[in-house]
PDB file of N, CA and C in Angstrom:
ATOM      1  N   MET A   1       8.504  24.249 -80.050  1.00  0.00           N
ATOM      2  CA  MET A   1       8.720  25.209 -79.001  1.00  0.00           C
ATOM      3  C   MET A   1       9.641  24.577 -77.966  1.00  0.00           C
ATOM      4  N   GLY A   2      10.679  25.310 -77.578  1.00  0.00           N
ATOM      5  CA  GLY A   2      11.663  24.803 -76.633  1.00  0.00           C
ATOM      6  C   GLY A   2      11.112  24.738 -75.212  1.00  0.00           C
ATOM      7  N   ARG A   3      11.845  24.028 -74.384  1.00  0.00           N
ATOM      8  CA  ARG A   3      11.406  23.821 -73.002  1.00  0.00           C
ATOM      9  C   ARG A   3      11.349  25.144 -72.242  1.00  0.00           C
ATOM     10  N   LYS A   4      12.364  25.984 -72.389  1.00  0.00           N
ATOM     11  CA  LYS A   4      12.397  27.266 -71.686  1.00  0.00           C
ATOM     12  C   LYS A   4      11.226  28.148 -72.112  1.00  0.00           C
ATOM     13  N   ARG A   5      10.938  28.127 -73.411  1.00  0.00           N
ATOM     14  CA  ARG A   5       9.870  28.975 -73.903  1.00  0.00           C
ATOM     15  C   ARG A   5       8.518  28.468 -73.399  1.00  0.00           C
ATOM     16  N   LYS A   6       8.337  27.153 -73.310  1.00  0.00           N
ATOM     17  CA  LYS A   6       7.089  26.579 -72.791  1.00  0.00           C
ATOM     18  C   LYS A   6       6.851  27.000 -71.357  1.00  0.00           C
ATOM     19  N   GLU A   7       7.932  27.040 -70.568  1.00  0.00           N
ATOM     20  CA  GLU A   7       7.793  27.394 -69.156  1.00  0.00           C
ATOM     21  C   GLU A   7       7.337  28.836 -68.986  1.00  0.00           C
ATOM     22  N   ARG A   8       7.664  29.686 -69.948  1.00  0.00           N
ATOM     23  CA  ARG A   8       7.310  31.097 -69.825  1.00  0.00           C
ATOM     24  C   ARG A   8       5.866  31.372 -70.225  1.00  0.00           C
ATOM     25  N   PHE A   9       5.237  30.433 -70.898  1.00  0.00           N
ATOM     26  CA  PHE A   9       3.846  30.623 -71.306  1.00  0.00           C
ATOM     27  C   PHE A   9       2.912  30.162 -70.212  1.00  0.00           C
ATOM     28  N   ASP A  10       1.831  30.874 -70.019  1.00  0.00           N
ATOM     29  CA  ASP A  10       0.821  30.389 -69.085  1.00  0.00           C
ATOM     30  C   ASP A  10      -0.196  29.553 -69.849  1.00  0.00           C
ATOM     31  N   GLY A  11      -1.274  29.157 -69.227  1.00  0.00           N
ATOM     32  CA  GLY A  11      -2.235  28.246 -69.834  1.00  0.00           C
ATOM     33  C   GLY A  11      -2.921  28.790 -71.071  1.00  0.00           C
ATOM     34  N   GLN A  12      -3.011  30.111 -71.213  1.00  0.00           N
ATOM     35  CA  GLN A  12      -3.743  30.682 -72.341  1.00  0.00           C
ATOM     36  C   GLN A  12      -2.831  31.091 -73.488  1.00  0.00           C
ATOM     37  N   GLY A  13      -1.559  30.782 -73.380  1.00  0.00           N
ATOM     38  CA  GLY A  13      -0.656  31.076 -74.479  1.00  0.00           C
ATOM     39  C   GLY A  13       0.078  32.386 -74.349  1.00  0.00           C
ATOM     40  N   TYR A  14      -0.057  33.075 -73.234  1.00  0.00           N
ATOM     41  CA  TYR A  14       0.627  34.343 -73.039  1.00  0.00           C
ATOM     42  C   TYR A  14       1.801  34.141 -72.105  1.00  0.00           C
ATOM     43  N   TYR A  15       2.746  35.032 -72.217  1.00  0.00           N
ATOM     44  CA  TYR A  15       3.869  34.972 -71.297  1.00  0.00           C
ATOM     45  C   TYR A  15       3.399  35.296 -69.889  1.00  0.00           C
ATOM     46  N   ALA A  16       3.811  34.495 -68.961  1.00  0.00           N
ATOM     47  CA  ALA A  16       3.471  34.756 -67.564  1.00  0.00           C
ATOM     48  C   ALA A  16       4.386  35.865 -67.055  1.00  0.00           C
ATOM     49  N   ASP A  17       3.859  36.685 -66.191  1.00  0.00           N
ATOM     50  CA  ASP A  17       4.652  37.767 -65.621  1.00  0.00           C
ATOM     51  C   ASP A  17       5.543  37.181 -64.534  1.00  0.00           C
ATOM     52  N   ARG A  18       6.786  36.952 -64.868  1.00  0.00           N
ATOM     53  CA  ARG A  18       7.695  36.259 -63.959  1.00  0.00           C
ATOM     54  C   ARG A  18       8.000  37.086 -62.722  1.00  0.00           C
ATOM     55  N   LYS A  19       8.151  38.396 -62.890  1.00  0.00           N
ATOM     56  CA  LYS A  19       8.470  39.236 -61.733  1.00  0.00           C
ATOM     57  C   LYS A  19       7.332  39.219 -60.727  1.00  0.00           C
ATOM     58  N   GLU A  20       6.123  39.294 -61.219  1.00  0.00           N
ATOM     59  CA  GLU A  20       4.960  39.289 -60.323  1.00  0.00           C
ATOM     60  C   GLU A  20       4.838  37.950 -59.599  1.00  0.00           C
ATOM     61  N   ASN A  21       5.042  36.859 -60.326  1.00  0.00           N
ATOM     62  CA  ASN A  21       4.974  35.531 -59.712  1.00  0.00           C
ATOM     63  C   ASN A  21       6.054  35.363 -58.647  1.00  0.00           C
ATOM     64  N   ARG A  22       7.243  35.819 -58.950  1.00  0.00           N
ATOM     65  CA  ARG A  22       8.351  35.689 -58.019  1.00  0.00           C
ATOM     66  C   ARG A  22       8.089  36.530 -56.766  1.00  0.00           C
ATOM     67  N   ALA A  23       7.596  37.745 -56.954  1.00  0.00           N
ATOM     68  CA  ALA A  23       7.331  38.624 -55.814  1.00  0.00           C
ATOM     69  C   ALA A  23       6.225  38.059 -54.942  1.00  0.00           C
ATOM     70  N   SER A  24       5.166  37.544 -55.551  1.00  0.00           N
ATOM     71  CA  SER A  24       4.064  37.010 -54.759  1.00  0.00           C
ATOM     72  C   SER A  24       4.480  35.754 -54.004  1.00  0.00           C
ATOM     73  N   SER A  25       5.344  34.949 -54.603  1.00  0.00           N
ATOM     74  CA  SER A  25       5.797  33.750 -53.901  1.00  0.00           C
ATOM     75  C   SER A  25       6.701  34.110 -52.729  1.00  0.00           C
ATOM     76  N   LYS A  26       7.508  35.158 -52.886  1.00  0.00           N
ATOM     77  CA  LYS A  26       8.353  35.603 -51.776  1.00  0.00           C
ATOM     78  C   LYS A  26       7.505  36.138 -50.626  1.00  0.00           C
ATOM     79  N   ILE A  27       6.458  36.872 -50.954  1.00  0.00           N
ATOM     80  CA  ILE A  27       5.564  37.409 -49.923  1.00  0.00           C
ATOM     81  C   ILE A  27       4.855  36.279 -49.195  1.00  0.00           C
ATOM     82  N   ASP A  28       4.397  35.283 -49.946  1.00  0.00           N
ATOM     83  CA  ASP A  28       3.742  34.130 -49.326  1.00  0.00           C
ATOM     84  C   ASP A  28       4.699  33.393 -48.394  1.00  0.00           C
ATOM     85  N   LYS A  29       5.946  33.250 -48.818  1.00  0.00           N
ATOM     86  CA  LYS A  29       6.941  32.562 -47.998  1.00  0.00           C
ATOM     87  C   LYS A  29       7.222  33.339 -46.718  1.00  0.00           C
ATOM     88  N   MET A  30       7.314  34.670 -46.823  1.00  0.00           N
ATOM     89  CA  MET A  30       7.551  35.496 -45.638  1.00  0.00           C
ATOM     90  C   MET A  30       6.381  35.410 -44.664  1.00  0.00           C
ATOM     91  N   ASN A  31       5.158  35.412 -45.186  1.00  0.00           N
ATOM     92  CA  ASN A  31       3.981  35.303 -44.325  1.00  0.00           C
ATOM     93  C   ASN A  31       3.930  33.950 -43.623  1.00  0.00           C
ATOM     94  N   ALA A  32       4.307  32.904 -44.331  1.00  0.00           N
ATOM     95  CA  ALA A  32       4.317  31.573 -43.727  1.00  0.00           C
ATOM     96  C   ALA A  32       5.346  31.491 -42.602  1.00  0.00           C
ATOM     97  N   LYS A  33       6.509  32.085 -42.804  1.00  0.00           N
ATOM     98  CA  LYS A  33       7.538  32.090 -41.764  1.00  0.00           C
ATOM     99  C   LYS A  33       7.090  32.901 -40.551  1.00  0.00           C
ATOM    100  N   ALA A  34       6.417  34.012 -40.794  1.00  0.00           N
ATOM    101  CA  ALA A  34       5.930  34.828 -39.682  1.00  0.00           C
ATOM    102  C   ALA A  34       4.872  34.085 -38.879  1.00  0.00           C
ATOM    103  N   ASN A  35       3.975  33.391 -39.559  1.00  0.00           N
ATOM    104  CA  ASN A  35       2.949  32.615 -38.861  1.00  0.00           C
ATOM    105  C   ASN A  35       3.568  31.475 -38.062  1.00  0.00           C
ATOM    106  N   LEU A  36       4.588  30.849 -38.600  1.00  0.00           N
ATOM    107  CA  LEU A  36       5.267  29.766 -37.899  1.00  0.00           C
ATOM    108  C   LEU A  36       5.959  30.295 -36.640  1.00  0.00           C
ATOM    109  N   ALA A  37       6.615  31.439 -36.747  1.00  0.00           N
ATOM    110  CA  ALA A  37       7.284  32.027 -35.585  1.00  0.00           C
ATOM    111  C   ALA A  37       6.270  32.397 -34.505  1.00  0.00           C
ATOM    112  N   LEU A  38       5.129  32.920 -34.909  1.00  0.00           N
ATOM    113  CA  LEU A  38       4.087  33.277 -33.943  1.00  0.00           C
ATOM    114  C   LEU A  38       3.547  32.047 -33.240  1.00  0.00           C
ATOM    115  N   ALA A  39       3.330  30.976 -33.971  1.00  0.00           N
ATOM    116  CA  ALA A  39       2.825  29.741 -33.366  1.00  0.00           C
ATOM    117  C   ALA A  39       3.839  29.158 -32.389  1.00  0.00           C
ATOM    118  N   LYS A  40       5.123  29.206 -32.746  1.00  0.00           N
ATOM    119  CA  LYS A  40       6.149  28.685 -31.852  1.00  0.00           C
ATOM    120  C   LYS A  40       6.247  29.511 -30.577  1.00  0.00           C
ATOM    121  N   SER A  41       6.123  30.821 -30.697  1.00  0.00           N
ATOM    122  CA  SER A  41       6.217  31.662 -29.504  1.00  0.00           C
ATOM    123  C   SER A  41       5.031  31.423 -28.576  1.00  0.00           C
ATOM    124  N   GLN A  42       3.845  31.208 -29.129  1.00  0.00           N
ATOM    125  CA  GLN A  42       2.679  30.907 -28.300  1.00  0.00           C
ATOM    126  C   GLN A  42       2.871  29.591 -27.558  1.00  0.00           C
ATOM    127  N   LYS A  43       3.411  28.607 -28.238  1.00  0.00           N
ATOM    128  CA  LYS A  43       3.647  27.298 -27.623  1.00  0.00           C
ATOM    129  C   LYS A  43       4.659  27.423 -26.490  1.00  0.00           C
ATOM    130  N   ARG A  44       5.723  28.161 -26.729  1.00  0.00           N
ATOM    131  CA  ARG A  44       6.763  28.316 -25.705  1.00  0.00           C
ATOM    132  C   ARG A  44       6.248  29.098 -24.508  1.00  0.00           C
ATOM    133  N   LYS A  45       5.368  30.063 -24.749  1.00  0.00           N
ATOM    134  CA  LYS A  45       4.824  30.856 -23.644  1.00  0.00           C
ATOM    135  C   LYS A  45       4.062  29.950 -22.684  1.00  0.00           C
ATOM    136  N   TRP A  46       3.235  29.071 -23.200  1.00  0.00           N
ATOM    137  CA  TRP A  46       2.469  28.169 -22.343  1.00  0.00           C
ATOM    138  C   TRP A  46       3.357  27.138 -21.675  1.00  0.00           C
ATOM    139  N   LEU A  47       4.400  26.712 -22.359  1.00  0.00           N
ATOM    140  CA  LEU A  47       5.327  25.754 -21.771  1.00  0.00           C
ATOM    141  C   LEU A  47       6.061  26.371 -20.584  1.00  0.00           C
ATOM    142  N   VAL A  48       6.509  27.599 -20.736  1.00  0.00           N
ATOM    143  CA  VAL A  48       7.189  28.291 -19.639  1.00  0.00           C
ATOM    144  C   VAL A  48       6.236  28.501 -18.472  1.00  0.00           C
ATOM    145  N   ALA A  49       4.996  28.881 -18.746  1.00  0.00           N
ATOM    146  CA  ALA A  49       4.019  29.080 -17.681  1.00  0.00           C
ATOM    147  C   ALA A  49       3.779  27.782 -16.913  1.00  0.00           C
ATOM    148  N   LEU A  50       3.686  26.679 -17.609  1.00  0.00           N
ATOM    149  CA  LEU A  50       3.474  25.383 -16.969  1.00  0.00           C
ATOM    150  C   LEU A  50       4.672  24.981 -16.113  1.00  0.00           C
ATOM    151  N   ILE A  51       5.871  25.220 -16.605  1.00  0.00           N
ATOM    152  CA  ILE A  51       7.069  24.904 -15.838  1.00  0.00           C
ATOM    153  C   ILE A  51       7.145  25.755 -14.572  1.00  0.00           C
ATOM    154  N   VAL A  52       6.824  27.032 -14.688  1.00  0.00           N
ATOM    155  CA  VAL A  52       6.845  27.924 -13.518  1.00  0.00           C
ATOM    156  C   VAL A  52       5.842  27.469 -12.475  1.00  0.00           C
ATOM    157  N   VAL A  53       4.648  27.109 -12.890  1.00  0.00           N
ATOM    158  CA  VAL A  53       3.642  26.622 -11.944  1.00  0.00           C
ATOM    159  C   VAL A  53       4.128  25.349 -11.266  1.00  0.00           C
ATOM    160  N   GLY A  54       4.751  24.462 -12.007  1.00  0.00           N
ATOM    161  CA  GLY A  54       5.286  23.230 -11.435  1.00  0.00           C
ATOM    162  C   GLY A  54       6.381  23.500 -10.416  1.00  0.00           C
ATOM    163  N   LEU A  55       7.276  24.437 -10.725  1.00  0.00           N
ATOM    164  CA  LEU A  55       8.349  24.771  -9.782  1.00  0.00           C
ATOM    165  C   LEU A  55       7.802  25.410  -8.510  1.00  0.00           C
ATOM    166  N   ILE A  56       6.823  26.269  -8.654  1.00  0.00           N
ATOM    167  CA  ILE A  56       6.212  26.898  -7.475  1.00  0.00           C
ATOM    168  C   ILE A  56       5.522  25.846  -6.622  1.00  0.00           C
ATOM    169  N   ALA A  57       4.804  24.946  -7.255  1.00  0.00           N
ATOM    170  CA  ALA A  57       4.125  23.884  -6.507  1.00  0.00           C
ATOM    171  C   ALA A  57       5.136  23.002  -5.797  1.00  0.00           C
ATOM    172  N   TYR A  58       6.229  22.685  -6.443  1.00  0.00           N
ATOM    173  CA  TYR A  58       7.266  21.863  -5.813  1.00  0.00           C
ATOM    174  C   TYR A  58       7.872  22.593  -4.619  1.00  0.00           C
ATOM    175  N   ALA A  59       8.150  23.881  -4.776  1.00  0.00           N
ATOM    176  CA  ALA A  59       8.748  24.648  -3.688  1.00  0.00           C
ATOM    177  C   ALA A  59       7.804  24.722  -2.488  1.00  0.00           C
ATOM    178  N   VAL A  60       6.526  24.930  -2.739  1.00  0.00           N
ATOM    179  CA  VAL A  60       5.554  25.022  -1.645  1.00  0.00           C
ATOM    180  C   VAL A  60       5.440  23.683  -0.928  1.00  0.00           C
ATOM    181  N   ILE A  61       5.405  22.617  -1.676  1.00  0.00           N
ATOM    182  CA  ILE A  61       5.250  21.289  -1.074  1.00  0.00           C
ATOM    183  C   ILE A  61       6.516  20.869  -0.321  1.00  0.00           C
ATOM    184  N   SER A  62       7.689  21.131  -0.914  1.00  0.00           N
ATOM    185  CA  SER A  62       8.931  20.650  -0.297  1.00  0.00           C
ATOM    186  C   SER A  62       9.320  21.448   0.945  1.00  0.00           C
ATOM    187  N   THR A  63       8.961  22.719   1.020  1.00  0.00           N
ATOM    188  CA  THR A  63       9.340  23.523   2.180  1.00  0.00           C
ATOM    189  C   THR A  63       8.425  23.278   3.370  1.00  0.00           C
ATOM    190  N   GLY A  64       7.274  22.746   3.136  1.00  0.00           N
ATOM    191  CA  GLY A  64       6.358  22.470   4.233  1.00  0.00           C
ATOM    192  C   GLY A  64       5.389  23.599   4.505  1.00  0.00           C
ATOM    193  N   SER A  65       5.589  24.737   3.860  1.00  0.00           N
ATOM    194  CA  SER A  65       4.673  25.850   4.098  1.00  0.00           C
ATOM    195  C   SER A  65       3.309  25.575   3.460  1.00  0.00           C
ATOM    196  N   GLY A  66       3.276  24.656   2.551  1.00  0.00           N
ATOM    197  CA  GLY A  66       2.014  24.315   1.914  1.00  0.00           C
ATOM    198  C   GLY A  66       1.361  23.107   2.559  1.00  0.00           C
ATOM    199  N   ALA A  67       1.867  22.690   3.712  1.00  0.00           N
ATOM    200  CA  ALA A  67       1.328  21.496   4.363  1.00  0.00           C
ATOM    201  C   ALA A  67      -0.127  21.692   4.759  1.00  0.00           C
ATOM    202  N   GLY A  68      -0.462  22.876   5.222  1.00  0.00           N
ATOM    203  CA  GLY A  68      -1.850  23.150   5.596  1.00  0.00           C
ATOM    204  C   GLY A  68      -2.779  23.070   4.399  1.00  0.00           C
ATOM    205  N   VAL A  69      -2.319  23.555   3.270  1.00  0.00           N
ATOM    206  CA  VAL A  69      -3.120  23.518   2.043  1.00  0.00           C
ATOM    207  C   VAL A  69      -3.297  22.075   1.589  1.00  0.00           C
ATOM    208  N   ILE A  70      -2.221  21.299   1.674  1.00  0.00           N
ATOM    209  CA  ILE A  70      -2.297  19.903   1.246  1.00  0.00           C
ATOM    210  C   ILE A  70      -3.246  19.122   2.148  1.00  0.00           C
ATOM    211  N   ASN A  71      -3.172  19.355   3.460  1.00  0.00           N
ATOM    212  CA  ASN A  71      -4.061  18.651   4.390  1.00  0.00           C
ATOM    213  C   ASN A  71      -5.518  19.029   4.151  1.00  0.00           C
ATOM    214  N   MET A  72      -5.762  20.285   3.805  1.00  0.00           N
ATOM    215  CA  MET A  72      -7.128  20.722   3.521  1.00  0.00           C
ATOM    216  C   MET A  72      -7.639  20.022   2.260  1.00  0.00           C
ATOM    217  N   VAL A  73      -6.790  19.894   1.248  1.00  0.00           N
ATOM    218  CA  VAL A  73      -7.174  19.235   0.006  1.00  0.00           C
ATOM    219  C   VAL A  73      -7.412  17.755   0.267  1.00  0.00           C
ATOM    220  N   LYS A  74      -6.552  17.143   1.101  1.00  0.00           N
ATOM    221  CA  LYS A  74      -6.719  15.727   1.436  1.00  0.00           C
ATOM    222  C   LYS A  74      -8.023  15.474   2.188  1.00  0.00           C
ATOM    223  N   GLY A  75      -8.450  16.434   2.959  1.00  0.00           N
ATOM    224  CA  GLY A  75      -9.686  16.296   3.714  1.00  0.00           C
ATOM    225  C   GLY A  75     -10.917  16.172   2.822  1.00  0.00           C
ATOM    226  N   TYR A  76     -10.862  16.728   1.627  1.00  0.00           N
ATOM    227  CA  TYR A  76     -11.996  16.632   0.711  1.00  0.00           C
ATOM    228  C   TYR A  76     -12.074  15.266   0.038  1.00  0.00           C
ATOM    229  N   PHE A  77     -10.966  14.548   0.003  1.00  0.00           N
ATOM    230  CA  PHE A  77     -10.961  13.260  -0.715  1.00  0.00           C
ATOM    231  C   PHE A  77     -10.900  12.130   0.211  1.00  0.00           C
TER     232      PHE A  77
END
């Protein structure tokens, strides 16, 4: 039996349905890419939120309008 013919047989000696295998692998690949994109967007959302909070805190501290808040916080420590 040739190499090409062996590849077409599944474990029980029957021809594997190549179209079905190919379609299912494409669907799995698309789902994996979608999950990866979703995970990246969640990560970026939190990163942007953290950067915004940092910029706001810097602006409040540097302008002096947050001096009262800082002094109140210092009073607890």
